[in-house]
Amino acid sequence: MNTRQIALLSCLLQPVVVTACGGSEELAPADHQHASASGSGGESTSAGSDDTGGATTTGTGGAKTTGTGGAKATGAGGATGSGDTPTVSGSEYTFTTGHFSVPPGAEVYKCQDFTNPFGKDIGIVKEETTLTAGSHHMFAFVMPNAQLTLKDNLVDCPGGGVEFHDYLTTSGTPLATTTYPDSTGRIFSSGNGLRLNVHYINATSDPKDAFIVYKVSFVDPATLTNKVGSIFLNQVGVRVPPGMSTQSKTYTLSQDINLMGDASHMHSRGVHFVASTDSGQMLYDGTEWQEPKPQSFDPPLHLAAGTKITWACTYNNPTGQTLTFGESAATNEMCIFPGEFYNATGQQISYQAIF
C-alpha cells in the first residue's frame, strides 16, 4: 500500500470499520503452503514464500482454515463483474475475476467489483479463495452496490491499492479454505457487493497471470446463532528508522469477543511480530512476513470488553532511510494484527493507530 496521496492518507486516519483486488488454468507452486487467516487485513493479512512442505492449520473449536500450495483455478460457476448479475439459487456461488499479466519484477495492485448476486441477505458458512502464486494478499471488501465502479475486469486499484472497508475474507496463500462451526457464519447483506483486491509481486523472470477465484457456501442467516466479525488493528502512522527498531501500540476491546484465530502482517523489513493481552495471554508470535502462518484457538479464546491488546513489530531496516506505511512490500512497511471472532452481533472491530 502507498501513502503517495496525502488526501488518501487523511481518509485512512479516520476511524472506520474494517475487516486488509479467472478463465484459464493456473497451477500454484508447491512452496506456497501456509493457510492465511480469513479476516489478514488489511490485508493479511496478508510475495512468494521460501518455505517447503504443505502445511494445514485447523481449529475445530473455531473456524477451520486450511491452505495448500497446489492451487488450481477453474473458474467454474464464476460470476462476472457486470451490474446485472442474475439472482442466485442454491447454496454456493463463485466470484471469478478477469486476468492480468504481471511483468517480470513488477508489483501491482488490481481490483474488480461485483454487484451482489443473491438478492437477499445470506449467512456465509464456508469460504474458498484461489490466487496466483506470488500474490502477497487478497481482500473481499464489502461495499454498497451503488459505490462499485470497477466491474468489467481486473484494473488498477483506486489510490494505488490503499483502501479499507469491511471485508468477508482476506488471504495470503494461493489456496485457502475457511469453514465455520455449526450455527456460526458471516452476514452478507443484499445492499452490498464486493471489491476483490489483490496485491501481486512477480519476483520471477517471466510474466505471471494474476487473478482471484472466491467461492462461498451460504445458509439462511436466521439459522446463525454466532455472527463472525474481523478484528483489524493497524498502524498507519508507522515510521521505521534505519537499523533495528520495534513499534508497538495498544487497543482496548469495546465488546466481548470469542477469538477463533489470528495472524500477522508485515512487509520485507519485518523480522518479528508479537500480539498479547494485558493479562499476559499470547495471541500471536511469528517471524514470517511473506506468508505468515495463522493461529487457531480451539476452543475460541474469550476476551472480555476492556481487554487491552498490544501488538508490536520489530524491523531490520538496512536502507539508510526511514520507511513509512504503504502498499509496497519493497519500499514501505506495515504492522497489522488481523483476526476473526464471533459473538451475538459480529460487529467488526477496526483501529487505525497513529504514532
Protein backbone atom coordinates (compact mmCIF):
# COMPACT_ATOMS: atom_id res chain seq x y z
CA MET A 1 0.00 0.00 0.00
CA ASN A 2 1.13 3.52 -0.69
CA THR A 3 0.99 6.88 1.09
CA ARG A 4 1.77 8.84 -2.04
CA GLN A 5 -1.51 10.68 -1.87
CA ILE A 6 -1.94 12.92 1.15
CA ALA A 7 -5.67 13.11 0.71
CA LEU A 8 -5.93 9.33 0.76
CA LEU A 9 -3.86 9.01 3.91
CA SER A 10 -6.09 11.62 5.55
CA CYS A 11 -9.04 9.41 4.75
CA LEU A 12 -7.29 6.37 6.22
CA LEU A 13 -6.76 8.08 9.54
CA GLN A 14 -10.48 8.35 10.12
CA PRO A 15 -12.00 5.64 12.37
CA VAL A 16 -13.61 3.13 10.07
CA VAL A 17 -14.92 -0.37 10.48
CA VAL A 18 -12.71 -2.74 8.56
CA THR A 19 -12.26 -6.26 8.29
CA ALA A 20 -6.53 -5.58 4.69
CA CYS A 21 -8.19 -6.56 -5.62
CA GLY A 22 -10.13 -16.23 -13.64
CA GLY A 23 -10.66 -18.15 -17.19
CA SER A 24 -7.56 -20.21 -17.86
CA GLU A 25 -5.96 -22.76 -15.56
CA GLU A 26 -3.09 -21.82 -13.23
CA LEU A 27 -1.13 -24.23 -11.08
CA ALA A 28 0.49 -22.74 -7.98
CA PRO A 29 3.96 -23.98 -6.99
CA ALA A 30 4.10 -26.33 -4.01
CA ASP A 31 6.29 -23.99 -1.99
CA HIS A 32 3.28 -21.78 -1.19
CA GLN A 33 1.67 -23.75 1.57
CA HIS A 34 0.62 -21.67 4.56
CA ALA A 35 -3.00 -21.02 5.34
CA SER A 36 -3.98 -17.39 5.74
CA ALA A 37 -6.37 -16.31 8.48
CA SER A 38 -9.66 -15.36 7.00
CA GLY A 39 -10.46 -11.91 8.09
CA SER A 40 -5.12 -10.54 7.47
CA GLY A 41 -6.08 -7.41 6.72
CA GLY A 42 -5.99 -5.10 5.91
CA GLU A 43 -4.51 -7.31 4.32
CA SER A 44 -3.20 -10.18 5.72
CA THR A 45 -3.35 -10.38 6.06
CA SER A 46 -1.66 -10.94 4.30
CA ALA A 47 5.45 -12.14 -2.11
CA GLY A 48 6.26 -15.77 -2.51
CA SER A 49 7.46 -17.94 0.35
CA ASP A 50 10.69 -19.93 0.54
CA ASP A 51 9.07 -22.49 2.84
CA THR A 52 8.57 -26.04 1.65
CA GLY A 53 6.23 -28.85 2.58
CA GLY A 54 2.49 -28.25 2.69
CA ALA A 55 1.01 -27.05 5.98
CA THR A 56 -2.54 -27.15 7.25
CA THR A 57 -3.87 -25.13 10.17
CA THR A 58 -7.12 -26.22 11.78
CA GLY A 59 -9.13 -25.07 14.75
CA THR A 60 -12.10 -27.31 15.47
CA GLY A 61 -13.49 -25.06 18.17
CA GLY A 62 -13.38 -22.02 15.95
CA ALA A 63 -13.14 -21.55 12.21
CA LYS A 64 -11.26 -24.25 10.37
CA THR A 65 -8.78 -22.73 7.92
CA THR A 66 -6.70 -24.77 5.51
CA GLY A 67 -4.14 -23.66 2.97
CA THR A 68 -2.27 -25.65 0.36
CA GLY A 69 0.27 -24.92 -2.33
CA GLY A 70 -1.21 -26.60 -5.40
CA ALA A 71 -3.90 -24.06 -6.21
CA LYS A 72 -5.82 -24.82 -9.37
CA ALA A 73 -8.26 -22.20 -10.60
CA THR A 74 -11.00 -23.46 -12.87
CA GLY A 75 -13.36 -20.51 -12.55
CA ALA A 76 -16.38 -22.82 -12.75
CA GLY A 77 -19.60 -21.07 -11.91
CA GLY A 78 -17.82 -17.74 -11.90
CA ALA A 79 -19.73 -14.50 -11.56
CA THR A 80 -18.98 -11.67 -13.92
CA GLY A 81 -18.47 -8.13 -12.71
CA SER A 82 -21.49 -6.81 -14.58
CA GLY A 83 -24.10 -4.76 -12.82
CA ASP A 84 -26.92 -7.09 -13.94
CA THR A 85 -25.78 -10.34 -12.34
CA PRO A 86 -28.76 -12.74 -12.09
CA THR A 87 -30.16 -13.81 -8.73
CA VAL A 88 -28.51 -16.96 -7.37
CA SER A 89 -30.32 -20.17 -6.49
CA GLY A 90 -28.80 -22.98 -4.43
CA SER A 91 -26.28 -22.63 -1.61
CA GLU A 92 -22.92 -21.97 -3.35
CA TYR A 93 -21.59 -19.22 -5.58
CA THR A 94 -18.23 -18.43 -7.17
CA PHE A 95 -16.87 -14.97 -7.98
CA THR A 96 -14.13 -15.08 -10.63
CA THR A 97 -12.14 -12.05 -11.70
CA GLY A 98 -10.59 -11.36 -15.07
CA HIS A 99 -6.88 -12.00 -15.59
CA PHE A 100 -3.96 -9.58 -15.68
CA SER A 101 -0.43 -10.26 -16.93
CA VAL A 102 2.17 -9.07 -14.40
CA PRO A 103 5.55 -8.22 -15.98
CA PRO A 104 8.76 -9.71 -14.53
CA GLY A 105 9.91 -7.87 -11.40
CA ALA A 106 6.65 -5.89 -11.14
CA GLU A 107 4.48 -5.22 -8.09
CA VAL A 108 0.81 -4.47 -8.88
CA TYR A 109 -2.47 -3.78 -7.07
CA LYS A 110 -5.53 -4.90 -9.03
CA CYS A 111 -9.26 -4.72 -8.23
CA GLN A 112 -12.57 -5.89 -9.68
CA ASP A 113 -16.10 -5.15 -8.40
CA PHE A 114 -19.13 -7.47 -8.27
CA THR A 115 -22.72 -6.38 -7.73
CA ASN A 116 -24.50 -8.54 -5.12
CA PRO A 117 -25.96 -11.55 -6.98
CA PHE A 118 -28.04 -13.01 -4.14
CA GLY A 119 -30.99 -10.64 -3.94
CA LYS A 120 -31.26 -11.26 -0.20
CA ASP A 121 -29.19 -11.34 2.98
CA ILE A 122 -27.13 -14.53 3.33
CA GLY A 123 -25.06 -16.20 6.05
CA ILE A 124 -21.66 -17.34 4.73
CA VAL A 125 -20.52 -20.56 6.40
CA LYS A 126 -17.59 -21.52 4.14
CA GLU A 127 -15.15 -19.52 2.00
CA GLU A 128 -12.60 -20.73 -0.55
CA THR A 129 -10.03 -18.49 -2.24
CA THR A 130 -7.66 -19.26 -5.11
CA LEU A 131 -4.87 -16.85 -6.08
CA THR A 132 -1.94 -16.77 -8.44
CA ALA A 133 1.19 -17.96 -6.65
CA GLY A 134 3.13 -14.84 -5.69
CA SER A 135 0.09 -12.90 -4.50
CA HIS A 136 1.02 -11.09 -1.29
CA HIS A 137 -2.61 -10.86 -0.20
CA MET A 138 -6.21 -10.54 -1.33
CA PHE A 139 -9.33 -8.95 0.17
CA ALA A 140 -13.01 -9.47 -0.46
CA PHE A 141 -14.08 -5.95 0.54
CA VAL A 142 -17.74 -5.26 1.32
CA MET A 143 -19.04 -2.07 -0.34
CA PRO A 144 -22.51 -0.67 -1.13
CA ASN A 145 -23.66 -1.77 -4.59
CA ALA A 146 -24.04 1.86 -5.65
CA GLN A 147 -20.33 2.54 -4.98
CA LEU A 148 -19.00 -0.25 -7.19
CA THR A 149 -17.36 1.20 -10.30
CA LEU A 150 -14.75 -1.39 -11.42
CA LYS A 151 -16.99 -4.10 -12.78
CA ASP A 152 -15.55 -5.14 -16.12
CA ASN A 153 -12.13 -6.65 -15.40
CA LEU A 154 -9.11 -6.56 -13.10
CA VAL A 155 -7.90 -2.95 -13.22
CA ASP A 156 -5.61 -0.72 -11.18
CA CYS A 157 -7.00 -0.22 -7.68
CA PRO A 158 -8.06 3.31 -6.68
CA GLY A 159 -5.33 5.18 -4.83
CA GLY A 160 -2.70 2.59 -5.76
CA GLY A 161 -4.36 -0.06 -3.59
CA VAL A 162 -4.67 1.79 -0.27
CA GLU A 163 -8.25 1.37 0.88
CA PHE A 164 -10.03 -0.09 3.90
CA HIS A 165 -13.58 -1.38 4.15
CA ASP A 166 -15.42 -4.13 5.97
CA TYR A 167 -14.43 -7.44 4.43
CA LEU A 168 -15.62 -11.02 4.17
CA THR A 169 -12.20 -12.63 3.91
CA THR A 170 -8.52 -11.92 3.37
CA SER A 171 -5.80 -14.38 2.37
CA GLY A 172 -2.09 -14.50 1.63
CA THR A 173 -1.78 -18.04 0.32
CA PRO A 174 -2.51 -19.47 -3.15
CA LEU A 175 -5.32 -21.70 -1.86
CA ALA A 176 -7.21 -21.23 1.40
CA THR A 177 -10.47 -22.60 2.78
CA THR A 178 -12.29 -21.43 5.90
CA THR A 179 -15.16 -23.47 7.34
CA TYR A 180 -17.08 -22.07 10.32
CA PRO A 181 -18.53 -24.19 13.15
CA ASP A 182 -22.22 -25.07 13.24
CA SER A 183 -24.59 -22.08 13.65
CA THR A 184 -21.70 -19.69 13.01
CA GLY A 185 -21.10 -17.51 9.95
CA ARG A 186 -20.70 -14.09 8.36
CA ILE A 187 -23.68 -11.95 7.39
CA PHE A 188 -23.57 -10.53 3.85
CA SER A 189 -26.38 -8.03 3.25
CA SER A 190 -28.26 -7.72 -0.04
CA GLY A 191 -27.46 -4.00 -0.35
CA ASN A 192 -23.72 -4.66 -0.51
CA GLY A 193 -21.46 -6.02 -3.23
CA LEU A 194 -17.78 -6.98 -3.33
CA ARG A 195 -14.49 -5.50 -4.40
CA LEU A 196 -11.89 -8.23 -4.87
CA ASN A 197 -8.43 -6.73 -4.33
CA VAL A 198 -5.08 -8.44 -4.96
CA HIS A 199 -1.51 -7.30 -4.26
CA TYR A 200 0.80 -9.27 -6.53
CA ILE A 201 4.62 -9.38 -6.58
CA ASN A 202 6.27 -11.08 -9.55
CA ALA A 203 9.77 -11.98 -8.36
CA THR A 204 10.40 -14.22 -11.38
CA SER A 205 11.87 -13.52 -14.82
CA ASP A 206 8.65 -14.45 -16.65
CA PRO A 207 5.24 -12.74 -16.90
CA LYS A 208 2.64 -14.10 -14.47
CA ASP A 209 -1.14 -14.32 -14.73
CA ALA A 210 -2.91 -12.63 -11.80
CA PHE A 211 -6.49 -13.48 -10.84
CA ILE A 212 -8.82 -14.29 -7.90
CA VAL A 213 -11.42 -17.01 -7.50
CA TYR A 214 -13.63 -16.60 -4.42
CA LYS A 215 -16.30 -19.22 -3.62
CA VAL A 216 -18.85 -19.02 -0.81
CA SER A 217 -21.26 -21.53 0.70
CA PHE A 218 -24.22 -19.92 2.42
CA VAL A 219 -27.35 -20.51 4.51
CA ASP A 220 -30.34 -18.54 5.75
CA PRO A 221 -28.80 -16.00 8.17
CA ALA A 222 -31.69 -16.62 10.59
CA THR A 223 -30.07 -20.01 11.37
CA LEU A 224 -26.87 -18.40 12.66
CA THR A 225 -26.55 -18.01 16.42
CA ASN A 226 -22.97 -16.73 16.31
CA LYS A 227 -22.06 -13.86 13.96
CA VAL A 228 -18.48 -13.69 12.68
CA GLY A 229 -16.57 -10.43 12.51
CA SER A 230 -12.98 -9.37 11.90
CA ILE A 231 -10.53 -7.58 14.13
CA PHE A 232 -8.08 -5.39 12.23
CA LEU A 233 -5.58 -3.44 14.34
CA ASN A 234 -3.42 -1.29 12.08
CA GLN A 235 -0.61 1.25 12.46
CA VAL A 236 -0.97 3.65 9.56
CA GLY A 237 1.45 6.13 11.09
CA VAL A 238 4.29 3.64 11.38
CA ARG A 239 7.78 5.08 10.80
CA VAL A 240 10.70 2.65 10.65
CA PRO A 241 14.13 4.31 11.08
CA PRO A 242 17.35 2.76 9.77
CA GLY A 243 18.67 -0.17 11.78
CA MET A 244 16.77 -2.28 14.31
CA SER A 245 13.63 -0.89 15.92
CA THR A 246 10.32 -2.03 17.45
CA GLN A 247 6.97 -0.30 17.03
CA SER A 248 4.03 -1.15 19.30
CA LYS A 249 0.52 0.08 20.03
CA THR A 250 -2.32 -0.93 22.36
CA TYR A 251 -6.06 -1.21 21.72
CA THR A 252 -8.84 -1.73 24.29
CA LEU A 253 -11.70 -4.01 23.23
CA SER A 254 -15.11 -2.35 23.35
CA GLN A 255 -17.04 -5.64 23.24
CA ASP A 256 -16.77 -9.25 24.38
CA ILE A 257 -15.41 -11.49 21.63
CA ASN A 258 -14.59 -15.15 21.11
CA LEU A 259 -11.35 -15.10 19.12
CA MET A 260 -11.24 -18.04 16.69
CA GLY A 261 -7.92 -17.24 15.04
CA ASP A 262 -5.44 -14.54 14.11
CA ALA A 263 -2.32 -13.80 12.10
CA SER A 264 0.22 -11.03 11.45
CA HIS A 265 1.05 -8.69 8.59
CA MET A 266 4.40 -7.00 7.95
CA HIS A 267 6.49 -6.16 4.90
CA SER A 268 10.00 -7.23 3.95
CA ARG A 269 11.90 -5.47 6.75
CA GLY A 270 9.69 -7.03 9.43
CA VAL A 271 11.52 -9.72 11.41
CA HIS A 272 9.26 -10.35 14.44
CA PHE A 273 5.57 -9.85 15.27
CA VAL A 274 4.04 -10.27 18.73
CA ALA A 275 0.48 -9.67 19.96
CA SER A 276 -0.64 -10.25 23.56
CA THR A 277 -3.20 -9.13 26.13
CA ASP A 278 -2.67 -7.15 29.32
CA SER A 279 -3.23 -10.37 31.29
CA GLY A 280 -0.24 -11.98 29.59
CA GLN A 281 -2.17 -14.13 27.10
CA MET A 282 -0.05 -14.61 23.97
CA LEU A 283 -2.20 -14.07 20.87
CA TYR A 284 0.43 -14.34 18.15
CA ASP A 285 4.21 -14.74 17.90
CA GLY A 286 5.85 -15.10 14.49
CA THR A 287 8.72 -14.06 12.25
CA GLU A 288 7.33 -14.56 8.72
CA TRP A 289 6.37 -11.57 6.59
CA GLN A 290 5.66 -13.28 3.25
CA GLU A 291 3.09 -15.93 4.19
CA PRO A 292 2.65 -15.76 7.98
CA LYS A 293 1.08 -18.93 9.33
CA PRO A 294 -2.26 -18.22 11.03
CA GLN A 295 -3.05 -19.42 14.53
CA SER A 296 -6.35 -21.05 15.52
CA PHE A 297 -7.82 -21.16 19.04
CA ASP A 298 -9.61 -24.37 19.99
CA PRO A 299 -11.81 -23.64 21.82
CA PRO A 300 -12.11 -19.97 20.82
CA LEU A 301 -10.40 -17.58 23.22
CA HIS A 302 -12.89 -15.44 25.14
CA LEU A 303 -11.71 -11.84 25.53
CA ALA A 304 -13.92 -9.59 27.63
CA ALA A 305 -14.71 -5.98 26.87
CA GLY A 306 -11.95 -3.85 28.39
CA THR A 307 -9.18 -6.31 27.48
CA LYS A 308 -6.10 -4.50 26.18
CA ILE A 309 -4.34 -5.93 23.12
CA THR A 310 -0.78 -4.81 22.39
CA TRP A 311 0.74 -5.65 19.01
CA ALA A 312 4.37 -4.96 18.12
CA CYS A 313 6.61 -5.29 15.08
CA THR A 314 10.40 -5.46 15.10
CA TYR A 315 12.19 -4.31 11.95
CA ASN A 316 15.66 -4.55 10.46
CA ASN A 317 15.94 -1.62 8.04
CA PRO A 318 19.26 -1.56 6.13
CA THR A 319 18.17 1.08 3.59
CA GLY A 320 19.55 4.12 5.40
CA GLN A 321 16.14 5.77 5.03
CA THR A 322 13.08 5.97 7.27
CA LEU A 323 10.29 3.79 5.89
CA THR A 324 6.64 4.76 6.22
CA PHE A 325 3.29 2.98 5.97
CA GLY A 326 2.34 1.99 2.43
CA GLU A 327 1.41 -0.74 -0.01
CA SER A 328 4.83 -1.70 -1.41
CA ALA A 329 6.46 -4.70 0.24
CA ALA A 330 9.81 -3.37 -1.02
CA THR A 331 9.71 0.31 -0.07
CA ASN A 332 7.05 0.60 2.67
CA GLU A 333 6.23 -1.12 5.95
CA MET A 334 3.17 -2.25 7.88
CA CYS A 335 2.30 -3.66 11.30
CA ILE A 336 -1.20 -5.15 11.35
CA PHE A 337 -2.92 -7.61 13.70
CA PRO A 338 -5.85 -9.31 11.91
CA GLY A 339 -8.14 -11.99 13.27
CA GLU A 340 -11.61 -13.50 13.33
CA PHE A 341 -14.06 -13.75 16.20
CA TYR A 342 -17.72 -14.40 16.86
CA ASN A 343 -20.33 -13.08 19.25
CA ALA A 344 -24.03 -12.27 19.05
CA THR A 345 -23.60 -9.27 16.75
CA GLY A 346 -20.46 -9.84 14.64
CA GLN A 347 -19.78 -6.10 14.75
CA GLN A 348 -16.38 -5.72 13.16
CA ILE A 349 -13.51 -4.07 15.01
CA SER A 350 -11.10 -1.65 13.40
CA TYR A 351 -8.42 0.61 14.78
CA GLN A 352 -6.06 2.78 12.74
CA ALA A 353 -3.22 3.60 15.12
CA ILE A 354 -1.05 6.68 14.62
CA PHE A 355 2.38 7.13 16.21
